[in-house]
Amino acid sequence: MKSELQQEALSVLSEIWSLSPDARLGQIFDLLGFMGDIQVGHGLGYIEDDELLAVMYRHRAELLARIQGTLDQQLPPTSAAVSVSGSSTIAESATASVKA
């Protein structure tokens, strides 16, 4: 029977795989092993389950940040000083307060 830690690791692995649709499972294992070697000084065959889980959470966070960064780059910049038509509303509000 798998421990809760191992089940959690498998769940996070599934998330990582879904965030990396072009990656093969072996590539993900290879990358996690490389990251484990860098983060905790152990390769994939010698890393403890809790250490591997920490590596996996870090990798998942990096993938999510990369995806979020891509989405942010695709969205137009927002500003409270621009109206729906695209014209500036700063001058309008300044003029309105002077007239009042």
N, C-alpha and C. Protein backbone atom coordinates (compact mmCIF):
# COMPACT_ATOMS: atom_id res chain seq x y z
N MET A 1 0.84 -1.18 0.00
CA MET A 1 0.00 0.00 0.00
C MET A 1 0.89 1.25 0.00
N LYS A 2 0.50 2.22 -0.81
CA LYS A 2 1.28 3.45 -0.91
C LYS A 2 0.98 4.36 0.28
N SER A 3 2.02 5.03 0.72
CA SER A 3 1.83 6.00 1.81
C SER A 3 1.15 7.25 1.25
N GLU A 4 0.65 8.09 2.14
CA GLU A 4 0.04 9.35 1.72
C GLU A 4 1.04 10.21 0.96
N LEU A 5 2.29 10.19 1.40
CA LEU A 5 3.34 10.97 0.75
C LEU A 5 3.54 10.49 -0.69
N GLN A 6 3.56 9.19 -0.89
CA GLN A 6 3.73 8.65 -2.23
C GLN A 6 2.52 8.96 -3.11
N GLN A 7 1.34 8.89 -2.55
CA GLN A 7 0.13 9.23 -3.31
C GLN A 7 0.14 10.71 -3.71
N GLU A 8 0.60 11.55 -2.79
CA GLU A 8 0.70 12.98 -3.08
C GLU A 8 1.71 13.21 -4.20
N ALA A 9 2.84 12.51 -4.13
CA ALA A 9 3.86 12.64 -5.17
C ALA A 9 3.31 12.23 -6.54
N LEU A 10 2.54 11.16 -6.58
CA LEU A 10 1.95 10.72 -7.85
C LEU A 10 0.95 11.74 -8.37
N SER A 11 0.21 12.36 -7.47
CA SER A 11 -0.74 13.40 -7.85
C SER A 11 -0.02 14.61 -8.44
N VAL A 12 1.06 15.04 -7.78
CA VAL A 12 1.83 16.19 -8.27
C VAL A 12 2.49 15.83 -9.60
N LEU A 13 2.97 14.60 -9.73
CA LEU A 13 3.56 14.16 -10.99
C LEU A 13 2.52 14.25 -12.11
N SER A 14 1.31 13.87 -11.83
CA SER A 14 0.24 13.96 -12.82
C SER A 14 0.00 15.42 -13.23
N GLU A 15 0.03 16.32 -12.25
CA GLU A 15 -0.14 17.75 -12.56
C GLU A 15 1.00 18.25 -13.44
N ILE A 16 2.22 17.86 -13.07
CA ILE A 16 3.39 18.28 -13.85
C ILE A 16 3.27 17.79 -15.29
N TRP A 17 2.87 16.53 -15.44
CA TRP A 17 2.73 15.96 -16.77
C TRP A 17 1.66 16.69 -17.57
N SER A 18 0.56 17.06 -16.92
CA SER A 18 -0.49 17.78 -17.64
C SER A 18 -0.06 19.20 -18.00
N LEU A 19 0.85 19.79 -17.23
CA LEU A 19 1.37 21.12 -17.53
C LEU A 19 2.47 21.08 -18.59
N SER A 20 2.93 19.88 -18.93
CA SER A 20 4.00 19.67 -19.92
C SER A 20 3.51 18.71 -20.99
N PRO A 21 2.51 19.10 -21.78
CA PRO A 21 1.88 18.15 -22.69
C PRO A 21 2.82 17.59 -23.77
N ASP A 22 3.88 18.30 -24.09
CA ASP A 22 4.79 17.83 -25.13
C ASP A 22 5.91 16.95 -24.58
N ALA A 23 6.01 16.85 -23.28
CA ALA A 23 7.09 16.07 -22.66
C ALA A 23 6.68 14.61 -22.51
N ARG A 24 7.64 13.74 -22.75
CA ARG A 24 7.42 12.32 -22.47
C ARG A 24 7.66 12.09 -20.98
N LEU A 25 7.07 11.06 -20.44
CA LEU A 25 7.20 10.76 -19.02
C LEU A 25 8.68 10.57 -18.64
N GLY A 26 9.43 9.90 -19.48
CA GLY A 26 10.86 9.70 -19.22
C GLY A 26 11.62 11.02 -19.13
N GLN A 27 11.23 11.98 -19.97
CA GLN A 27 11.87 13.30 -19.92
C GLN A 27 11.57 13.99 -18.60
N ILE A 28 10.35 13.84 -18.12
CA ILE A 28 9.98 14.46 -16.84
C ILE A 28 10.78 13.81 -15.71
N PHE A 29 10.89 12.48 -15.73
CA PHE A 29 11.69 11.79 -14.71
C PHE A 29 13.14 12.25 -14.76
N ASP A 30 13.67 12.37 -15.97
CA ASP A 30 15.06 12.80 -16.13
C ASP A 30 15.26 14.20 -15.56
N LEU A 31 14.34 15.09 -15.87
CA LEU A 31 14.44 16.46 -15.36
C LEU A 31 14.31 16.51 -13.85
N LEU A 32 13.37 15.73 -13.30
CA LEU A 32 13.22 15.70 -11.84
C LEU A 32 14.48 15.15 -11.17
N GLY A 33 15.10 14.15 -11.80
CA GLY A 33 16.36 13.62 -11.27
C GLY A 33 17.46 14.66 -11.29
N PHE A 34 17.54 15.39 -12.39
CA PHE A 34 18.53 16.46 -12.52
C PHE A 34 18.29 17.55 -11.48
N MET A 35 17.02 17.94 -11.33
CA MET A 35 16.68 18.97 -10.35
C MET A 35 16.95 18.48 -8.92
N GLY A 36 16.67 17.21 -8.66
CA GLY A 36 16.96 16.65 -7.35
C GLY A 36 18.43 16.67 -7.04
N ASP A 37 19.25 16.35 -8.04
CA ASP A 37 20.69 16.37 -7.86
C ASP A 37 21.17 17.78 -7.52
N ILE A 38 20.58 18.76 -8.16
CA ILE A 38 20.96 20.15 -7.90
C ILE A 38 20.43 20.63 -6.54
N GLN A 39 19.15 20.35 -6.26
CA GLN A 39 18.52 20.87 -5.04
C GLN A 39 18.98 20.17 -3.77
N VAL A 40 19.06 18.86 -3.79
CA VAL A 40 19.36 18.14 -2.55
C VAL A 40 20.62 17.28 -2.64
N GLY A 41 21.27 17.29 -3.79
CA GLY A 41 22.53 16.57 -3.93
C GLY A 41 22.39 15.06 -4.13
N HIS A 42 21.19 14.61 -4.49
CA HIS A 42 20.96 13.18 -4.73
C HIS A 42 20.28 13.01 -6.08
N GLY A 43 20.71 11.99 -6.81
CA GLY A 43 20.03 11.64 -8.05
C GLY A 43 18.71 10.96 -7.76
N LEU A 44 17.95 10.72 -8.79
CA LEU A 44 16.60 10.18 -8.66
C LEU A 44 16.57 8.84 -7.92
N GLY A 45 17.57 8.01 -8.10
CA GLY A 45 17.59 6.71 -7.45
C GLY A 45 17.89 6.75 -5.96
N TYR A 46 18.40 7.87 -5.47
CA TYR A 46 18.82 7.97 -4.07
C TYR A 46 18.07 9.02 -3.28
N ILE A 47 17.15 9.69 -3.92
CA ILE A 47 16.43 10.78 -3.27
C ILE A 47 15.29 10.21 -2.42
N GLU A 48 15.10 10.78 -1.26
CA GLU A 48 14.00 10.37 -0.37
C GLU A 48 12.68 10.89 -0.93
N ASP A 49 11.60 10.25 -0.58
CA ASP A 49 10.29 10.63 -1.10
C ASP A 49 9.93 12.08 -0.77
N ASP A 50 10.21 12.52 0.45
CA ASP A 50 9.87 13.89 0.81
C ASP A 50 10.72 14.90 0.05
N GLU A 51 11.98 14.54 -0.23
CA GLU A 51 12.84 15.42 -1.02
C GLU A 51 12.35 15.49 -2.46
N LEU A 52 11.96 14.34 -3.00
CA LEU A 52 11.44 14.32 -4.37
C LEU A 52 10.16 15.14 -4.46
N LEU A 53 9.32 15.03 -3.47
CA LEU A 53 8.08 15.80 -3.46
C LEU A 53 8.38 17.30 -3.46
N ALA A 54 9.37 17.72 -2.69
CA ALA A 54 9.76 19.13 -2.67
C ALA A 54 10.26 19.57 -4.05
N VAL A 55 11.04 18.73 -4.70
CA VAL A 55 11.53 19.02 -6.06
C VAL A 55 10.35 19.14 -7.02
N MET A 56 9.40 18.24 -6.89
CA MET A 56 8.25 18.25 -7.78
C MET A 56 7.39 19.49 -7.57
N TYR A 57 7.19 19.88 -6.32
CA TYR A 57 6.43 21.10 -6.06
C TYR A 57 7.13 22.31 -6.66
N ARG A 58 8.43 22.35 -6.54
CA ARG A 58 9.18 23.48 -7.11
C ARG A 58 9.03 23.50 -8.63
N HIS A 59 9.16 22.34 -9.25
CA HIS A 59 9.04 22.28 -10.71
C HIS A 59 7.62 22.67 -11.15
N ARG A 60 6.62 22.20 -10.42
CA ARG A 60 5.24 22.57 -10.75
C ARG A 60 5.05 24.08 -10.65
N ALA A 61 5.61 24.69 -9.61
CA ALA A 61 5.50 26.15 -9.45
C ALA A 61 6.18 26.88 -10.60
N GLU A 62 7.32 26.37 -11.04
CA GLU A 62 8.02 26.99 -12.17
C GLU A 62 7.20 26.87 -13.45
N LEU A 63 6.59 25.72 -13.67
CA LEU A 63 5.74 25.54 -14.85
C LEU A 63 4.54 26.48 -14.81
N LEU A 64 3.90 26.58 -13.65
CA LEU A 64 2.75 27.47 -13.52
C LEU A 64 3.15 28.93 -13.74
N ALA A 65 4.31 29.32 -13.21
CA ALA A 65 4.78 30.69 -13.39
C ALA A 65 5.07 30.97 -14.87
N ARG A 66 5.64 29.98 -15.54
CA ARG A 66 5.93 30.15 -16.97
C ARG A 66 4.64 30.29 -17.76
N ILE A 67 3.65 29.47 -17.44
CA ILE A 67 2.36 29.54 -18.12
C ILE A 67 1.69 30.87 -17.82
N GLN A 68 1.72 31.30 -16.57
CA GLN A 68 1.12 32.57 -16.18
C GLN A 68 1.82 33.73 -16.88
N GLY A 69 3.15 33.66 -16.98
CA GLY A 69 3.90 34.70 -17.68
C GLY A 69 3.51 34.78 -19.14
N THR A 70 3.28 33.65 -19.77
CA THR A 70 2.85 33.62 -21.16
C THR A 70 1.48 34.24 -21.29
N LEU A 71 0.58 33.93 -20.37
CA LEU A 71 -0.76 34.52 -20.41
C LEU A 71 -0.70 36.02 -20.19
N ASP A 72 0.14 36.46 -19.26
CA ASP A 72 0.26 37.89 -18.98
C ASP A 72 0.78 38.65 -20.20
N GLN A 73 1.68 38.03 -20.95
CA GLN A 73 2.23 38.68 -22.14
C GLN A 73 1.18 38.79 -23.24
N GLN A 74 0.20 37.90 -23.25
CA GLN A 74 -0.82 37.91 -24.29
C GLN A 74 -1.95 38.88 -23.97
N LEU A 75 -2.13 39.23 -22.70
CA LEU A 75 -3.21 40.13 -22.31
C LEU A 75 -2.80 41.58 -22.54
N PRO A 76 -3.73 42.42 -22.98
CA PRO A 76 -3.40 43.84 -23.15
C PRO A 76 -3.20 44.49 -21.79
N PRO A 77 -2.34 45.50 -21.71
CA PRO A 77 -2.14 46.18 -20.42
C PRO A 77 -3.43 46.87 -19.99
N THR A 78 -3.64 46.89 -18.69
CA THR A 78 -4.83 47.55 -18.16
C THR A 78 -4.42 48.78 -17.38
N SER A 79 -5.28 49.78 -17.39
CA SER A 79 -5.01 51.00 -16.66
C SER A 79 -6.32 51.68 -16.33
N ALA A 80 -6.41 52.22 -15.14
CA ALA A 80 -7.62 52.93 -14.73
C ALA A 80 -7.74 54.26 -15.45
N ALA A 81 -6.66 54.75 -16.06
CA ALA A 81 -6.66 56.04 -16.72
C ALA A 81 -7.08 55.95 -18.18
N VAL A 82 -7.51 54.80 -18.64
CA VAL A 82 -7.94 54.64 -20.03
C VAL A 82 -9.39 54.21 -20.04
N SER A 83 -10.20 54.92 -20.84
CA SER A 83 -11.61 54.59 -20.92
C SER A 83 -11.81 53.40 -21.84
N VAL A 84 -13.05 52.96 -21.95
CA VAL A 84 -13.37 51.83 -22.81
C VAL A 84 -13.02 52.13 -24.25
N SER A 85 -13.18 53.38 -24.68
CA SER A 85 -12.88 53.75 -26.06
C SER A 85 -11.38 53.84 -26.31
N GLY A 86 -10.60 53.84 -25.24
CA GLY A 86 -9.15 53.92 -25.39
C GLY A 86 -8.61 55.31 -25.15
N SER A 87 -9.47 56.29 -24.99
CA SER A 87 -8.99 57.64 -24.75
C SER A 87 -8.69 57.83 -23.27
N SER A 88 -7.80 58.74 -22.97
CA SER A 88 -7.39 58.98 -21.59
C SER A 88 -8.52 59.63 -20.82
N THR A 89 -8.70 59.24 -19.59
CA THR A 89 -9.73 59.84 -18.73
C THR A 89 -9.12 60.76 -17.68
N ILE A 90 -7.80 60.84 -17.67
CA ILE A 90 -7.13 61.68 -16.66
C ILE A 90 -7.47 63.15 -16.87
N ALA A 91 -7.35 63.63 -18.10
CA ALA A 91 -7.65 65.05 -18.38
C ALA A 91 -9.11 65.35 -18.08
N GLU A 92 -10.00 64.43 -18.42
CA GLU A 92 -11.42 64.64 -18.17
C GLU A 92 -11.71 64.80 -16.68
N SER A 93 -11.12 63.95 -15.87
CA SER A 93 -11.37 64.03 -14.44
C SER A 93 -10.74 65.27 -13.83
N ALA A 94 -9.60 65.68 -14.34
CA ALA A 94 -8.96 66.90 -13.84
C ALA A 94 -9.79 68.11 -14.20
N THR A 95 -10.30 68.15 -15.44
CA THR A 95 -11.13 69.27 -15.88
C THR A 95 -12.43 69.31 -15.09
N ALA A 96 -13.02 68.17 -14.83
CA ALA A 96 -14.28 68.10 -14.09
C ALA A 96 -14.09 68.63 -12.66
N SER A 97 -12.97 68.33 -12.05
CA SER A 97 -12.76 68.79 -10.68
C SER A 97 -12.48 70.28 -10.63
N VAL A 98 -11.90 70.86 -11.69
CA VAL A 98 -11.64 72.29 -11.73
C VAL A 98 -12.95 73.05 -11.91
N LYS A 99 -13.86 72.52 -12.73
CA LYS A 99 -15.15 73.18 -12.99
C LYS A 99 -16.05 73.12 -11.77
N ALA A 100 -15.90 72.12 -10.93
CA ALA A 100 -16.80 71.95 -9.79
C ALA A 100 -16.47 72.88 -8.69
